[in-house]
N, C-alpha and C. Protein backbone atom coordinates (compact mmCIF):
# COMPACT_ATOMS: atom_id res chain seq x y z
N MET A 1 -53.87 -208.45 43.20
CA MET A 1 -53.58 -208.78 44.59
C MET A 1 -54.42 -209.98 44.98
N ILE A 2 -53.82 -210.94 45.68
CA ILE A 2 -54.53 -212.11 46.19
C ILE A 2 -54.39 -212.13 47.70
N ALA A 3 -55.52 -212.22 48.38
CA ALA A 3 -55.48 -212.29 49.84
C ALA A 3 -56.16 -213.57 50.30
N ALA A 4 -55.63 -214.18 51.32
CA ALA A 4 -56.21 -215.43 51.83
C ALA A 4 -56.07 -215.47 53.34
N ASP A 5 -56.96 -216.18 53.96
CA ASP A 5 -56.94 -216.33 55.41
C ASP A 5 -56.86 -217.82 55.71
N VAL A 6 -55.83 -218.18 56.38
CA VAL A 6 -55.64 -219.60 56.72
C VAL A 6 -55.93 -219.79 58.20
N LEU A 7 -56.88 -220.64 58.50
CA LEU A 7 -57.24 -220.91 59.88
C LEU A 7 -56.29 -221.97 60.45
N GLY A 8 -55.59 -221.56 61.46
CA GLY A 8 -54.68 -222.50 62.11
C GLY A 8 -55.31 -223.06 63.37
N PRO A 9 -54.56 -223.80 64.07
CA PRO A 9 -55.10 -224.43 65.30
C PRO A 9 -55.36 -223.43 66.41
N ASN A 10 -54.64 -222.28 66.42
CA ASN A 10 -54.79 -221.31 67.49
C ASN A 10 -55.79 -220.23 67.08
N THR A 11 -57.07 -220.57 66.92
CA THR A 11 -58.07 -219.62 66.46
C THR A 11 -58.39 -218.55 67.50
N GLU A 12 -58.29 -218.85 68.78
CA GLU A 12 -58.57 -217.86 69.81
C GLU A 12 -57.56 -216.73 69.74
N GLU A 13 -56.28 -217.08 69.59
CA GLU A 13 -55.24 -216.05 69.46
C GLU A 13 -55.48 -215.21 68.22
N LYS A 14 -55.93 -215.83 67.12
CA LYS A 14 -56.19 -215.11 65.88
C LYS A 14 -57.32 -214.12 66.07
N ARG A 15 -58.41 -214.53 66.77
CA ARG A 15 -59.52 -213.62 67.01
C ARG A 15 -59.07 -212.42 67.82
N ALA A 16 -58.22 -212.65 68.84
CA ALA A 16 -57.74 -211.56 69.68
C ALA A 16 -56.91 -210.58 68.88
N MET A 17 -56.09 -211.08 67.99
CA MET A 17 -55.25 -210.21 67.17
C MET A 17 -56.09 -209.38 66.20
N SER A 18 -57.10 -210.00 65.59
CA SER A 18 -57.91 -209.28 64.60
C SER A 18 -58.80 -208.22 65.25
N ALA A 19 -59.07 -208.34 66.53
CA ALA A 19 -59.96 -207.40 67.21
C ALA A 19 -59.23 -206.21 67.80
N THR A 20 -57.91 -206.20 67.74
CA THR A 20 -57.15 -205.13 68.38
C THR A 20 -57.01 -203.89 67.50
N ALA A 21 -57.21 -204.00 66.18
CA ALA A 21 -57.03 -202.86 65.27
C ALA A 21 -58.30 -202.02 65.23
N ASN A 22 -58.16 -200.74 65.55
CA ASN A 22 -59.29 -199.81 65.49
C ASN A 22 -59.27 -199.04 64.17
N THR A 23 -60.45 -198.76 63.63
CA THR A 23 -60.54 -198.00 62.39
C THR A 23 -60.16 -196.55 62.66
N PRO A 24 -59.21 -195.98 61.92
CA PRO A 24 -58.81 -194.57 62.15
C PRO A 24 -60.01 -193.64 61.98
N GLU A 25 -60.16 -192.72 62.91
CA GLU A 25 -61.29 -191.80 62.88
C GLU A 25 -61.27 -190.92 61.62
N SER A 26 -60.06 -190.69 61.08
CA SER A 26 -59.95 -189.79 59.92
C SER A 26 -60.61 -190.34 58.67
N ILE A 27 -60.86 -191.67 58.62
CA ILE A 27 -61.49 -192.23 57.42
C ILE A 27 -62.93 -192.67 57.68
N THR A 28 -63.46 -192.34 58.83
CA THR A 28 -64.85 -192.70 59.12
C THR A 28 -65.78 -191.54 58.76
N THR A 29 -67.04 -191.85 58.56
CA THR A 29 -68.05 -190.83 58.27
C THR A 29 -68.73 -190.43 59.57
N PRO A 30 -68.72 -189.15 59.92
CA PRO A 30 -69.39 -188.73 61.16
C PRO A 30 -70.90 -188.89 61.04
N ASP A 31 -71.58 -188.88 62.16
CA ASP A 31 -73.03 -189.04 62.15
C ASP A 31 -73.74 -187.81 61.60
N ARG A 32 -73.13 -186.61 61.79
CA ARG A 32 -73.74 -185.37 61.31
C ARG A 32 -72.66 -184.49 60.67
N VAL A 33 -73.01 -183.91 59.52
CA VAL A 33 -72.11 -182.99 58.83
C VAL A 33 -72.91 -181.76 58.44
N GLU A 34 -72.43 -180.59 58.87
CA GLU A 34 -73.07 -179.33 58.48
C GLU A 34 -72.48 -178.89 57.13
N SER A 35 -73.34 -178.64 56.16
CA SER A 35 -72.88 -178.26 54.83
C SER A 35 -73.74 -177.13 54.29
N ARG A 36 -73.35 -176.56 53.13
CA ARG A 36 -74.15 -175.49 52.53
C ARG A 36 -75.50 -175.99 52.05
N LEU A 37 -75.65 -177.33 51.96
CA LEU A 37 -76.94 -177.91 51.58
C LEU A 37 -77.83 -178.15 52.78
N GLY A 38 -77.27 -178.02 53.97
CA GLY A 38 -78.01 -178.30 55.19
C GLY A 38 -77.28 -179.35 56.01
N THR A 39 -77.95 -179.92 56.99
CA THR A 39 -77.36 -180.94 57.85
C THR A 39 -77.47 -182.31 57.18
N LEU A 40 -76.33 -182.97 57.03
CA LEU A 40 -76.29 -184.30 56.45
C LEU A 40 -76.15 -185.31 57.58
N GLU A 41 -77.02 -186.31 57.59
CA GLU A 41 -77.03 -187.30 58.67
C GLU A 41 -76.68 -188.68 58.12
N PHE A 42 -75.86 -189.41 58.90
CA PHE A 42 -75.39 -190.73 58.47
C PHE A 42 -75.54 -191.72 59.62
N ASP A 43 -75.80 -192.96 59.28
CA ASP A 43 -75.87 -194.04 60.25
C ASP A 43 -74.82 -195.08 59.85
N ASP A 44 -73.72 -195.11 60.61
CA ASP A 44 -72.62 -196.04 60.31
C ASP A 44 -72.13 -195.84 58.87
N GLY A 45 -72.07 -194.56 58.43
CA GLY A 45 -71.57 -194.23 57.11
C GLY A 45 -72.62 -194.17 56.02
N ALA A 46 -73.81 -194.69 56.28
CA ALA A 46 -74.86 -194.69 55.26
C ALA A 46 -75.75 -193.46 55.45
N PRO A 47 -76.05 -192.71 54.37
CA PRO A 47 -76.88 -191.50 54.51
C PRO A 47 -78.33 -191.84 54.80
N SER A 48 -78.97 -190.97 55.57
CA SER A 48 -80.40 -191.13 55.80
C SER A 48 -81.14 -190.85 54.49
N PRO A 49 -82.40 -191.28 54.36
CA PRO A 49 -83.15 -191.00 53.12
C PRO A 49 -83.20 -189.50 52.78
N ALA A 50 -83.39 -188.66 53.80
CA ALA A 50 -83.45 -187.22 53.54
C ALA A 50 -82.10 -186.68 53.06
N THR A 51 -81.01 -187.18 53.66
CA THR A 51 -79.67 -186.75 53.25
C THR A 51 -79.37 -187.21 51.82
N ALA A 52 -79.80 -188.40 51.47
CA ALA A 52 -79.56 -188.91 50.12
C ALA A 52 -80.26 -188.07 49.06
N GLU A 53 -81.38 -187.45 49.42
CA GLU A 53 -82.12 -186.63 48.46
C GLU A 53 -81.47 -185.27 48.24
N LEU A 54 -80.78 -184.73 49.23
CA LEU A 54 -80.24 -183.37 49.14
C LEU A 54 -79.28 -183.19 47.97
N PRO A 55 -78.29 -184.07 47.76
CA PRO A 55 -77.39 -183.86 46.61
C PRO A 55 -78.12 -183.90 45.27
N TYR A 56 -79.13 -184.76 45.14
CA TYR A 56 -79.88 -184.81 43.89
C TYR A 56 -80.66 -183.52 43.65
N ASP A 57 -81.25 -182.98 44.72
CA ASP A 57 -81.94 -181.69 44.59
C ASP A 57 -80.95 -180.60 44.18
N HIS A 58 -79.75 -180.64 44.77
CA HIS A 58 -78.73 -179.64 44.44
C HIS A 58 -78.29 -179.79 42.99
N LEU A 59 -78.10 -181.02 42.50
CA LEU A 59 -77.73 -181.23 41.10
C LEU A 59 -78.81 -180.72 40.16
N ASP A 60 -80.08 -180.95 40.51
CA ASP A 60 -81.18 -180.43 39.68
C ASP A 60 -81.10 -178.91 39.59
N PHE A 61 -80.82 -178.27 40.73
CA PHE A 61 -80.71 -176.81 40.74
C PHE A 61 -79.53 -176.35 39.88
N MET A 62 -78.38 -177.00 40.02
CA MET A 62 -77.20 -176.61 39.26
C MET A 62 -77.41 -176.82 37.76
N HIS A 63 -78.09 -177.90 37.38
CA HIS A 63 -78.38 -178.12 35.97
C HIS A 63 -79.31 -177.04 35.42
N GLY A 64 -80.24 -176.59 36.26
CA GLY A 64 -81.11 -175.49 35.85
C GLY A 64 -80.34 -174.20 35.64
N VAL A 65 -79.41 -173.91 36.56
CA VAL A 65 -78.57 -172.72 36.41
C VAL A 65 -77.72 -172.82 35.14
N GLN A 66 -77.17 -174.00 34.89
CA GLN A 66 -76.34 -174.19 33.70
C GLN A 66 -77.16 -174.00 32.43
N ALA A 67 -78.39 -174.53 32.41
CA ALA A 67 -79.24 -174.36 31.24
C ALA A 67 -79.57 -172.89 31.01
N PHE A 68 -79.81 -172.16 32.09
CA PHE A 68 -80.11 -170.72 31.98
C PHE A 68 -78.92 -169.97 31.39
N ILE A 69 -77.72 -170.24 31.91
CA ILE A 69 -76.52 -169.55 31.43
C ILE A 69 -76.24 -169.91 29.97
N ASN A 70 -76.35 -171.20 29.63
CA ASN A 70 -76.06 -171.63 28.27
C ASN A 70 -77.07 -171.10 27.26
N ALA A 71 -78.28 -170.77 27.72
CA ALA A 71 -79.32 -170.26 26.82
C ALA A 71 -79.19 -168.76 26.58
N PHE A 72 -78.36 -168.07 27.35
CA PHE A 72 -78.22 -166.63 27.22
C PHE A 72 -77.89 -166.19 25.79
N PRO A 73 -76.85 -166.79 25.13
CA PRO A 73 -76.53 -166.34 23.77
C PRO A 73 -77.68 -166.51 22.79
N GLY A 74 -78.37 -167.67 22.85
CA GLY A 74 -79.49 -167.89 21.95
C GLY A 74 -80.63 -166.94 22.23
N ALA A 75 -80.92 -166.69 23.52
CA ALA A 75 -81.98 -165.75 23.87
C ALA A 75 -81.64 -164.34 23.39
N SER A 76 -80.35 -163.98 23.47
CA SER A 76 -79.91 -162.65 23.02
C SER A 76 -80.18 -162.46 21.54
N LEU A 77 -79.78 -163.44 20.72
CA LEU A 77 -79.98 -163.30 19.27
C LEU A 77 -81.45 -163.41 18.89
N ALA A 78 -82.20 -164.25 19.59
CA ALA A 78 -83.64 -164.33 19.31
C ALA A 78 -84.31 -162.99 19.59
N ALA A 79 -83.93 -162.33 20.70
CA ALA A 79 -84.49 -161.02 21.02
C ALA A 79 -84.04 -159.97 20.00
N MET A 80 -82.78 -160.06 19.56
CA MET A 80 -82.29 -159.12 18.56
C MET A 80 -83.06 -159.28 17.25
N HIS A 81 -83.31 -160.53 16.88
CA HIS A 81 -84.05 -160.79 15.64
C HIS A 81 -85.47 -160.23 15.73
N GLN A 82 -86.12 -160.44 16.86
CA GLN A 82 -87.46 -159.88 17.03
C GLN A 82 -87.43 -158.36 17.00
N GLY A 83 -86.37 -157.77 17.57
CA GLY A 83 -86.23 -156.32 17.53
C GLY A 83 -86.10 -155.81 16.11
N PHE A 84 -85.32 -156.51 15.28
CA PHE A 84 -85.18 -156.10 13.88
C PHE A 84 -86.53 -156.15 13.16
N LEU A 85 -87.24 -157.26 13.35
CA LEU A 85 -88.54 -157.38 12.70
C LEU A 85 -89.50 -156.30 13.15
N SER A 86 -89.42 -155.91 14.42
CA SER A 86 -90.35 -154.91 14.96
C SER A 86 -90.15 -153.52 14.36
N ILE A 87 -88.94 -153.26 13.83
CA ILE A 87 -88.70 -151.95 13.20
C ILE A 87 -88.67 -152.05 11.67
N GLY A 88 -89.12 -153.21 11.16
CA GLY A 88 -89.26 -153.35 9.71
C GLY A 88 -88.05 -153.88 8.98
N VAL A 89 -87.02 -154.35 9.71
CA VAL A 89 -85.84 -154.93 9.06
C VAL A 89 -86.06 -156.43 8.93
N ARG A 90 -86.30 -156.89 7.70
CA ARG A 90 -86.60 -158.29 7.47
C ARG A 90 -85.32 -159.10 7.28
N ASP A 91 -85.46 -160.43 7.30
CA ASP A 91 -84.32 -161.30 7.04
C ASP A 91 -83.73 -160.98 5.68
N ASN A 92 -82.41 -161.05 5.59
CA ASN A 92 -81.64 -160.79 4.37
C ASN A 92 -81.57 -159.30 4.01
N GLU A 93 -82.12 -158.44 4.84
CA GLU A 93 -81.94 -157.00 4.69
C GLU A 93 -80.90 -156.54 5.70
N ILE A 94 -80.14 -155.51 5.35
CA ILE A 94 -79.03 -155.06 6.18
C ILE A 94 -79.39 -153.78 6.92
N LEU A 95 -79.16 -153.79 8.22
CA LEU A 95 -79.33 -152.59 9.05
C LEU A 95 -77.96 -151.94 9.21
N LEU A 96 -77.81 -150.71 8.72
CA LEU A 96 -76.55 -149.97 8.82
C LEU A 96 -76.72 -148.85 9.84
N PHE A 97 -75.90 -148.87 10.88
CA PHE A 97 -75.95 -147.82 11.90
C PHE A 97 -75.36 -146.53 11.34
N SER A 98 -75.95 -145.41 11.68
CA SER A 98 -75.48 -144.13 11.18
C SER A 98 -74.40 -143.52 12.06
N GLU A 99 -74.18 -144.11 13.25
CA GLU A 99 -73.16 -143.60 14.16
C GLU A 99 -72.70 -144.72 15.07
N LEU A 100 -71.80 -144.37 15.99
CA LEU A 100 -71.27 -145.39 16.90
C LEU A 100 -72.35 -146.00 17.77
N MET A 101 -72.13 -147.25 18.15
CA MET A 101 -73.04 -147.91 19.09
C MET A 101 -72.95 -147.23 20.45
N ASP A 102 -74.08 -147.14 21.15
CA ASP A 102 -74.07 -146.60 22.51
C ASP A 102 -75.03 -147.40 23.38
N SER A 103 -75.20 -146.97 24.61
CA SER A 103 -76.00 -147.74 25.56
C SER A 103 -77.49 -147.71 25.25
N ALA A 104 -77.90 -146.85 24.32
CA ALA A 104 -79.32 -146.83 23.95
C ALA A 104 -79.69 -148.08 23.15
N SER A 105 -78.70 -148.73 22.56
CA SER A 105 -78.93 -149.96 21.81
C SER A 105 -78.69 -151.14 22.74
N LEU A 106 -79.70 -151.98 22.90
CA LEU A 106 -79.62 -153.07 23.88
C LEU A 106 -79.04 -154.33 23.24
N PHE A 107 -77.72 -154.31 23.01
CA PHE A 107 -77.01 -155.46 22.48
C PHE A 107 -76.17 -156.09 23.59
N LEU A 108 -76.04 -157.42 23.53
CA LEU A 108 -75.36 -158.12 24.61
C LEU A 108 -73.86 -157.87 24.61
N THR A 109 -73.22 -157.84 23.43
CA THR A 109 -71.75 -157.76 23.38
C THR A 109 -71.24 -156.68 22.43
N ALA A 110 -72.02 -155.66 22.16
CA ALA A 110 -71.61 -154.63 21.19
C ALA A 110 -70.53 -153.72 21.78
N ASN A 111 -69.73 -153.11 20.90
CA ASN A 111 -68.68 -152.18 21.30
C ASN A 111 -69.09 -150.75 21.00
N CYS A 112 -68.75 -149.83 21.89
CA CYS A 112 -69.15 -148.43 21.72
C CYS A 112 -68.22 -147.68 20.77
N ASP A 113 -67.15 -148.33 20.27
CA ASP A 113 -66.25 -147.67 19.31
C ASP A 113 -66.45 -148.21 17.90
N THR A 114 -67.63 -148.78 17.64
CA THR A 114 -67.86 -149.47 16.38
C THR A 114 -69.14 -148.98 15.71
N VAL A 115 -69.06 -148.76 14.40
CA VAL A 115 -70.25 -148.55 13.58
C VAL A 115 -70.56 -149.90 12.92
N TYR A 116 -71.73 -150.42 13.16
CA TYR A 116 -72.08 -151.76 12.71
C TYR A 116 -73.02 -151.74 11.52
N PHE A 117 -72.94 -152.77 10.69
CA PHE A 117 -74.08 -153.16 9.86
C PHE A 117 -74.37 -154.62 10.12
N ILE A 118 -75.65 -154.94 10.21
CA ILE A 118 -76.09 -156.24 10.72
C ILE A 118 -77.19 -156.79 9.83
N THR A 119 -77.19 -158.09 9.63
CA THR A 119 -78.30 -158.74 8.94
C THR A 119 -78.48 -160.16 9.47
N PHE A 120 -79.70 -160.63 9.40
CA PHE A 120 -80.00 -162.04 9.66
C PHE A 120 -80.24 -162.71 8.32
N LEU A 121 -79.45 -163.73 8.01
CA LEU A 121 -79.60 -164.46 6.75
C LEU A 121 -80.53 -165.65 6.96
N ASP A 122 -81.48 -165.79 6.05
CA ASP A 122 -82.48 -166.84 6.14
C ASP A 122 -82.10 -167.97 5.20
N LEU A 123 -81.81 -169.15 5.74
CA LEU A 123 -81.35 -170.29 4.95
C LEU A 123 -82.39 -171.41 4.86
N SER A 124 -83.65 -171.08 5.06
CA SER A 124 -84.68 -172.11 5.08
C SER A 124 -84.76 -172.88 3.77
N ASP A 125 -84.60 -172.18 2.65
CA ASP A 125 -84.75 -172.83 1.35
C ASP A 125 -83.43 -173.27 0.73
N GLY A 126 -82.35 -173.13 1.45
CA GLY A 126 -81.08 -173.60 0.90
C GLY A 126 -79.94 -172.65 1.19
N PRO A 127 -78.76 -172.98 0.67
CA PRO A 127 -77.55 -172.18 0.93
C PRO A 127 -77.65 -170.77 0.35
N MET A 128 -76.75 -169.92 0.79
CA MET A 128 -76.70 -168.54 0.34
C MET A 128 -75.25 -168.16 0.10
N VAL A 129 -75.03 -167.32 -0.91
CA VAL A 129 -73.71 -166.79 -1.18
C VAL A 129 -73.62 -165.38 -0.62
N LEU A 130 -72.64 -165.14 0.23
CA LEU A 130 -72.39 -163.82 0.80
C LEU A 130 -71.21 -163.21 0.05
N ASP A 131 -71.48 -162.14 -0.68
CA ASP A 131 -70.47 -161.51 -1.53
C ASP A 131 -69.91 -160.30 -0.80
N VAL A 132 -68.67 -160.39 -0.35
CA VAL A 132 -68.02 -159.31 0.41
C VAL A 132 -67.08 -158.56 -0.52
N PRO A 133 -67.27 -157.25 -0.72
CA PRO A 133 -66.43 -156.49 -1.65
C PRO A 133 -65.05 -156.22 -1.06
N PRO A 134 -64.06 -155.91 -1.89
CA PRO A 134 -62.75 -155.50 -1.37
C PRO A 134 -62.88 -154.17 -0.65
N PHE A 135 -62.30 -154.10 0.52
CA PHE A 135 -62.43 -152.89 1.34
C PHE A 135 -61.28 -152.90 2.33
N GLY A 136 -60.11 -152.40 1.88
CA GLY A 136 -58.91 -152.49 2.69
C GLY A 136 -58.57 -151.22 3.42
N PRO A 137 -57.37 -151.14 4.01
CA PRO A 137 -56.92 -149.98 4.78
C PRO A 137 -56.96 -148.72 3.93
N PRO A 138 -57.17 -147.53 4.55
CA PRO A 138 -57.28 -147.33 6.01
C PRO A 138 -58.65 -147.69 6.57
N SER A 139 -59.62 -147.95 5.69
CA SER A 139 -60.92 -148.42 6.16
C SER A 139 -60.91 -149.94 6.14
N GLY A 140 -62.04 -150.54 6.35
CA GLY A 140 -62.08 -151.99 6.27
C GLY A 140 -63.29 -152.56 6.98
N ILE A 141 -63.57 -153.81 6.66
CA ILE A 141 -64.64 -154.56 7.31
C ILE A 141 -63.99 -155.61 8.20
N LEU A 142 -64.28 -155.54 9.47
CA LEU A 142 -63.81 -156.56 10.41
C LEU A 142 -65.04 -157.29 10.90
N GLY A 143 -65.31 -158.45 10.36
CA GLY A 143 -66.59 -159.08 10.62
C GLY A 143 -66.50 -160.52 11.05
N ALA A 144 -67.59 -161.03 11.54
CA ALA A 144 -67.68 -162.44 11.95
C ALA A 144 -69.07 -162.95 11.67
N VAL A 145 -69.17 -164.21 11.36
CA VAL A 145 -70.43 -164.90 11.15
C VAL A 145 -70.63 -165.86 12.31
N ASP A 146 -71.77 -165.75 12.98
CA ASP A 146 -72.12 -166.65 14.09
C ASP A 146 -73.43 -167.35 13.78
N ASP A 147 -73.64 -168.52 14.40
CA ASP A 147 -74.96 -169.13 14.30
C ASP A 147 -75.87 -168.52 15.36
N MET A 148 -77.09 -169.01 15.44
CA MET A 148 -78.07 -168.38 16.33
C MET A 148 -77.85 -168.73 17.80
N TRP A 149 -76.82 -169.51 18.10
CA TRP A 149 -76.39 -169.71 19.48
C TRP A 149 -75.15 -168.88 19.77
N PHE A 150 -74.84 -167.93 18.87
CA PHE A 150 -73.68 -167.04 19.00
C PHE A 150 -72.37 -167.82 18.90
N ARG A 151 -72.40 -168.97 18.23
CA ARG A 151 -71.18 -169.74 18.03
C ARG A 151 -70.52 -169.29 16.74
N TRP A 152 -69.21 -169.09 16.78
CA TRP A 152 -68.46 -168.57 15.66
C TRP A 152 -68.52 -169.53 14.47
N VAL A 153 -68.71 -168.96 13.27
CA VAL A 153 -68.70 -169.74 12.03
C VAL A 153 -67.49 -169.37 11.18
N THR A 154 -67.32 -168.08 10.90
CA THR A 154 -66.17 -167.62 10.14
C THR A 154 -66.00 -166.12 10.32
N ASP A 155 -64.85 -165.61 9.93
CA ASP A 155 -64.61 -164.17 9.89
C ASP A 155 -64.75 -163.67 8.47
N LEU A 156 -64.96 -162.36 8.34
CA LEU A 156 -65.09 -161.71 7.03
C LEU A 156 -64.19 -160.50 6.97
N GLY A 157 -63.79 -160.11 5.76
CA GLY A 157 -63.04 -158.87 5.60
C GLY A 157 -61.61 -158.97 6.08
N VAL A 158 -61.18 -157.96 6.84
CA VAL A 158 -59.78 -157.87 7.28
C VAL A 158 -59.33 -159.13 8.01
N SER A 159 -60.16 -159.66 8.87
CA SER A 159 -59.78 -160.83 9.67
C SER A 159 -60.20 -162.14 9.02
N GLY A 160 -60.89 -162.08 7.88
CA GLY A 160 -61.39 -163.28 7.24
C GLY A 160 -60.43 -163.85 6.21
N PRO A 161 -60.78 -164.97 5.61
CA PRO A 161 -59.93 -165.57 4.57
C PRO A 161 -59.68 -164.65 3.39
N ASP A 162 -60.60 -163.72 3.11
CA ASP A 162 -60.41 -162.81 1.97
C ASP A 162 -59.40 -161.71 2.26
N ARG A 163 -59.06 -161.49 3.55
CA ARG A 163 -58.07 -160.50 3.96
C ARG A 163 -58.33 -159.12 3.33
N ALA A 164 -59.60 -158.71 3.33
CA ALA A 164 -60.03 -157.40 2.83
C ALA A 164 -59.88 -157.26 1.33
N GLN A 165 -59.58 -158.36 0.62
CA GLN A 165 -59.46 -158.31 -0.84
C GLN A 165 -60.78 -158.64 -1.53
N GLY A 166 -61.80 -158.93 -0.74
CA GLY A 166 -63.09 -159.31 -1.31
C GLY A 166 -63.17 -160.81 -1.54
N GLY A 167 -64.36 -161.33 -1.43
CA GLY A 167 -64.54 -162.76 -1.66
C GLY A 167 -65.99 -163.17 -1.47
N ARG A 168 -66.27 -164.39 -1.88
CA ARG A 168 -67.62 -164.94 -1.74
C ARG A 168 -67.59 -166.07 -0.71
N TYR A 169 -68.60 -166.05 0.14
CA TYR A 169 -68.72 -167.05 1.20
C TYR A 169 -70.01 -167.83 0.98
N LEU A 170 -69.88 -169.14 0.89
CA LEU A 170 -71.05 -170.00 0.76
C LEU A 170 -71.52 -170.37 2.16
N ILE A 171 -72.71 -169.90 2.52
CA ILE A 171 -73.28 -170.15 3.84
C ILE A 171 -74.31 -171.26 3.72
N VAL A 172 -74.09 -172.36 4.41
CA VAL A 172 -74.94 -173.54 4.29
C VAL A 172 -75.50 -173.88 5.65
N GLY A 173 -76.82 -174.03 5.75
CA GLY A 173 -77.46 -174.45 7.00
C GLY A 173 -77.43 -175.96 7.13
N ARG A 174 -77.67 -176.45 8.34
CA ARG A 174 -77.71 -177.88 8.55
C ARG A 174 -78.94 -178.47 7.89
N PRO A 175 -78.84 -179.69 7.31
CA PRO A 175 -80.02 -180.33 6.70
C PRO A 175 -81.14 -180.50 7.71
N ALA A 176 -82.35 -180.24 7.27
CA ALA A 176 -83.55 -180.40 8.10
C ALA A 176 -83.53 -179.54 9.34
N ALA A 177 -82.71 -178.49 9.35
CA ALA A 177 -82.66 -177.59 10.50
C ALA A 177 -83.16 -176.21 10.08
N ARG A 178 -83.81 -175.53 10.98
CA ARG A 178 -84.26 -174.18 10.72
C ARG A 178 -83.41 -173.24 11.55
N GLY A 179 -82.86 -172.22 10.92
CA GLY A 179 -82.00 -171.32 11.66
C GLY A 179 -81.79 -170.02 10.92
N ARG A 180 -81.24 -169.03 11.58
CA ARG A 180 -80.93 -167.76 10.98
C ARG A 180 -79.46 -167.49 11.07
N LEU A 181 -78.97 -166.71 10.15
CA LEU A 181 -77.58 -166.28 10.20
C LEU A 181 -77.57 -164.78 10.37
N LEU A 182 -76.94 -164.33 11.41
CA LEU A 182 -76.85 -162.90 11.68
C LEU A 182 -75.50 -162.40 11.18
N CYS A 183 -75.52 -161.38 10.32
CA CYS A 183 -74.28 -160.84 9.77
C CYS A 183 -74.14 -159.39 10.20
N LEU A 184 -73.06 -159.07 10.88
CA LEU A 184 -72.85 -157.72 11.41
C LEU A 184 -71.46 -157.24 11.04
N ALA A 185 -71.33 -156.02 10.50
CA ALA A 185 -70.00 -155.52 10.12
C ALA A 185 -69.90 -154.03 10.29
N ARG A 186 -68.68 -153.53 10.24
CA ARG A 186 -68.43 -152.09 10.37
C ARG A 186 -67.53 -151.60 9.23
N PRO A 187 -68.02 -150.71 8.37
CA PRO A 187 -67.19 -150.19 7.29
C PRO A 187 -66.68 -148.79 7.61
N ASP A 188 -65.65 -148.63 8.40
CA ASP A 188 -65.13 -147.30 8.66
C ASP A 188 -63.65 -147.37 8.96
N HIS A 189 -63.08 -146.37 9.57
CA HIS A 189 -61.64 -146.27 9.71
C HIS A 189 -61.08 -147.03 10.90
N ALA A 190 -61.90 -147.64 11.70
CA ALA A 190 -61.38 -148.37 12.85
C ALA A 190 -61.90 -149.79 12.81
N ARG A 191 -61.88 -150.43 13.95
CA ARG A 191 -62.34 -151.81 13.99
C ARG A 191 -63.84 -151.87 13.80
N GLY A 192 -64.31 -153.01 13.39
CA GLY A 192 -65.75 -153.21 13.23
C GLY A 192 -66.09 -154.65 13.45
N GLY A 193 -67.31 -155.01 13.21
CA GLY A 193 -67.67 -156.40 13.39
C GLY A 193 -68.76 -156.81 12.44
N VAL A 194 -68.78 -158.06 12.09
CA VAL A 194 -69.88 -158.62 11.31
C VAL A 194 -70.37 -159.83 12.08
N TRP A 195 -71.62 -159.89 12.35
CA TRP A 195 -72.17 -161.06 13.01
C TRP A 195 -73.06 -161.78 12.02
N ALA A 196 -73.24 -163.04 12.21
CA ALA A 196 -74.21 -163.76 11.39
C ALA A 196 -74.82 -164.88 12.20
N GLY A 197 -76.13 -165.00 12.16
CA GLY A 197 -76.81 -166.09 12.83
C GLY A 197 -77.51 -166.93 11.78
N VAL A 198 -77.82 -168.18 11.97
CA VAL A 198 -78.31 -169.01 10.88
C VAL A 198 -79.80 -169.32 11.01
N HIS A 199 -80.56 -168.88 10.04
CA HIS A 199 -82.01 -169.10 9.98
C HIS A 199 -82.27 -169.94 8.74
N ASP A 200 -83.28 -170.54 8.43
CA ASP A 200 -83.49 -171.27 7.18
C ASP A 200 -84.84 -170.90 6.59
N ARG A 201 -84.85 -170.11 5.54
CA ARG A 201 -86.16 -169.83 4.98
C ARG A 201 -86.14 -169.43 3.52
N GLN A 202 -85.29 -168.64 3.05
CA GLN A 202 -85.38 -168.16 1.69
C GLN A 202 -84.00 -168.09 1.06
N ARG A 203 -83.83 -168.77 -0.05
CA ARG A 203 -82.55 -168.69 -0.74
C ARG A 203 -82.42 -167.32 -1.33
N SER A 204 -81.28 -166.70 -1.10
CA SER A 204 -81.08 -165.37 -1.65
C SER A 204 -79.61 -165.06 -1.69
N ARG A 205 -79.29 -163.94 -2.26
CA ARG A 205 -77.90 -163.49 -2.37
C ARG A 205 -77.82 -162.17 -1.63
N ALA A 206 -76.93 -162.09 -0.68
CA ALA A 206 -76.78 -160.86 0.10
C ALA A 206 -75.44 -160.23 -0.23
N ARG A 207 -75.41 -158.93 -0.42
CA ARG A 207 -74.16 -158.23 -0.71
C ARG A 207 -73.92 -157.23 0.40
N CYS A 208 -72.71 -157.32 1.04
CA CYS A 208 -72.33 -156.38 2.08
C CYS A 208 -71.41 -155.33 1.49
């Protein structure tokens, strides 16, 4: 778009015409606005120094809330790992539940209709091979491998690439990263789960 203003001989008439248009109130900024952040004050559309600070303070708060929420999965697995160590279950050892999960077990996303077996795999010294045996219907292993932020890596057993026929999974940690792999599964007549979080410490072979 190109706009131009040509000054003609009748400049007084031009000034009168340009001064007759009023700015619509609907597109102007009021001097005061009540909001959930407080009272916002403006001078001819420009925010006062105090008003300009309020949105930044609110963004800082929202970013803090977001960081808290996003850290929940990692905090959950870190607490679970510490819980395992506190009862003598070391990395690469498997904890097998003797009965269904219930509210006495403080897990973030566990199911009460599942018998679990869980392990944290330590990948500090290199990759690990997870050897899953064939275990099909009417029983089966319905498992998943997650990293230590509870992000999905792969499924195992019935829902995994081996389709309950058994298989070996090469678990590789990121270079120069330290992490744990949590492996959780259920070997019984209904659904189950396998979790895995990624740690890095000792090369080993785990058999589920």
